[in-house]
């Protein structure tokens, strides 16, 4: 089994897009039929990370994420090792920089 999709609901869509883009995710703006505009990033292994606006039944909540990244490509660059950052909604994001 492997993870194929992570959807993050946020009240700070643009700020979260910038935060996760600074970790190296490359987002495309999307909209499916009459759904909300959101962002999607496809990782090299095919996993998809999406950022959706929080609304109604889709509220932002507690979630812990972890990413392995090339520390030199992160903005600002990270030294090798484990780092914990906080996204605009207060979620802890563990970053393992190589």
Protein backbone atom coordinates (compact mmCIF):
# COMPACT_ATOMS: atom_id res chain seq x y z
CA UNK A 1 0.00 0.00 0.00
CA UNK A 2 1.12 3.56 -0.65
CA UNK A 3 -0.42 6.97 -0.20
CA UNK A 4 -1.83 8.39 -3.44
CA UNK A 5 -3.71 11.51 -2.33
CA UNK A 6 -3.56 14.12 0.43
CA UNK A 7 -6.19 16.88 0.43
CA UNK A 8 -5.61 19.82 2.75
CA UNK A 9 -8.57 22.13 3.44
CA UNK A 10 -7.57 25.65 4.38
CA UNK A 11 -9.01 29.07 5.07
CA UNK A 12 -5.71 30.53 3.79
CA UNK A 13 -5.50 29.05 0.30
CA UNK A 14 -2.91 31.38 -1.23
CA UNK A 15 -0.75 31.42 1.89
CA UNK A 16 -0.78 27.60 2.07
CA UNK A 17 0.02 27.36 -1.64
CA UNK A 18 3.05 29.58 -1.09
CA UNK A 19 4.13 27.66 2.05
CA UNK A 20 4.02 24.25 0.34
CA UNK A 21 5.48 25.63 -2.91
CA UNK A 22 8.43 26.86 -0.84
CA UNK A 23 8.95 23.23 0.23
CA UNK A 24 9.23 22.26 -3.42
CA UNK A 25 5.69 21.34 -4.49
CA UNK A 26 4.73 22.64 -7.93
CA UNK A 27 1.03 23.50 -7.97
CA UNK A 28 -1.38 23.86 -10.87
CA UNK A 29 -4.65 25.73 -10.45
CA UNK A 30 -7.66 23.45 -11.08
CA UNK A 31 -11.44 23.44 -11.04
CA UNK A 32 -13.60 20.39 -11.69
CA UNK A 33 -17.12 21.04 -13.04
CA UNK A 34 -18.89 23.33 -10.54
CA UNK A 35 -16.45 22.59 -7.70
CA UNK A 36 -14.23 25.19 -6.05
CA UNK A 37 -10.99 26.43 -7.54
CA UNK A 38 -8.07 24.68 -5.84
CA UNK A 39 -4.42 23.72 -6.34
CA UNK A 40 -2.92 20.31 -7.14
CA UNK A 41 0.67 19.08 -7.17
CA UNK A 42 1.70 15.69 -8.56
CA UNK A 43 4.81 14.22 -6.95
CA UNK A 44 7.30 12.10 -8.94
CA UNK A 45 5.81 8.85 -7.57
CA UNK A 46 2.31 9.88 -8.70
CA UNK A 47 1.02 10.98 -5.30
CA UNK A 48 -1.21 14.07 -5.49
CA UNK A 49 -1.30 16.85 -2.89
CA UNK A 50 -4.29 19.19 -3.20
CA UNK A 51 -5.15 22.42 -1.43
CA UNK A 52 -8.86 23.23 -1.23
CA UNK A 53 -10.65 26.17 0.35
CA UNK A 54 -12.30 25.26 3.65
CA UNK A 55 -16.07 25.67 3.53
CA UNK A 56 -19.25 24.17 4.94
CA UNK A 57 -18.64 20.50 5.66
CA UNK A 58 -15.01 20.70 4.55
CA UNK A 59 -13.32 22.42 7.44
CA UNK A 60 -9.65 22.76 8.18
CA UNK A 61 -8.42 20.55 10.99
CA UNK A 62 -5.47 19.02 12.74
CA UNK A 63 -3.14 17.08 10.51
CA UNK A 64 0.54 16.22 10.72
CA UNK A 65 2.48 15.99 7.47
CA UNK A 66 6.00 14.91 6.64
CA UNK A 67 8.04 15.51 3.51
CA UNK A 68 11.52 14.43 2.44
CA UNK A 69 13.06 17.22 0.37
CA UNK A 70 16.31 18.40 -1.16
CA UNK A 71 17.17 21.08 1.38
CA UNK A 72 18.88 23.21 -1.26
CA UNK A 73 15.60 23.63 -3.20
CA UNK A 74 13.52 24.74 -0.21
CA UNK A 75 12.91 28.49 0.23
CA UNK A 76 14.76 29.48 2.30
CA UNK A 77 17.26 26.61 1.93
CA UNK A 78 17.45 24.10 4.79
CA UNK A 79 20.49 22.41 6.28
CA UNK A 80 20.39 18.61 6.16
CA UNK A 81 18.37 17.04 8.96
CA UNK A 82 14.93 17.16 10.52
CA UNK A 83 13.05 20.44 10.70
CA UNK A 84 9.53 21.21 11.91
CA UNK A 85 7.67 24.10 10.31
CA UNK A 86 4.17 25.39 10.87
CA UNK A 87 1.88 26.11 7.91
CA UNK A 88 -0.50 29.12 7.79
CA UNK A 89 -3.30 27.07 9.43
CA UNK A 90 -1.08 25.96 12.34
CA UNK A 91 -0.39 22.40 11.09
CA UNK A 92 3.02 20.99 11.99
CA UNK A 93 4.98 19.93 8.92
CA UNK A 94 8.01 17.72 9.46
CA UNK A 95 10.63 18.30 6.79
CA UNK A 96 13.54 15.89 6.32
CA UNK A 97 16.13 17.76 4.28
CA UNK A 98 18.92 15.95 2.47
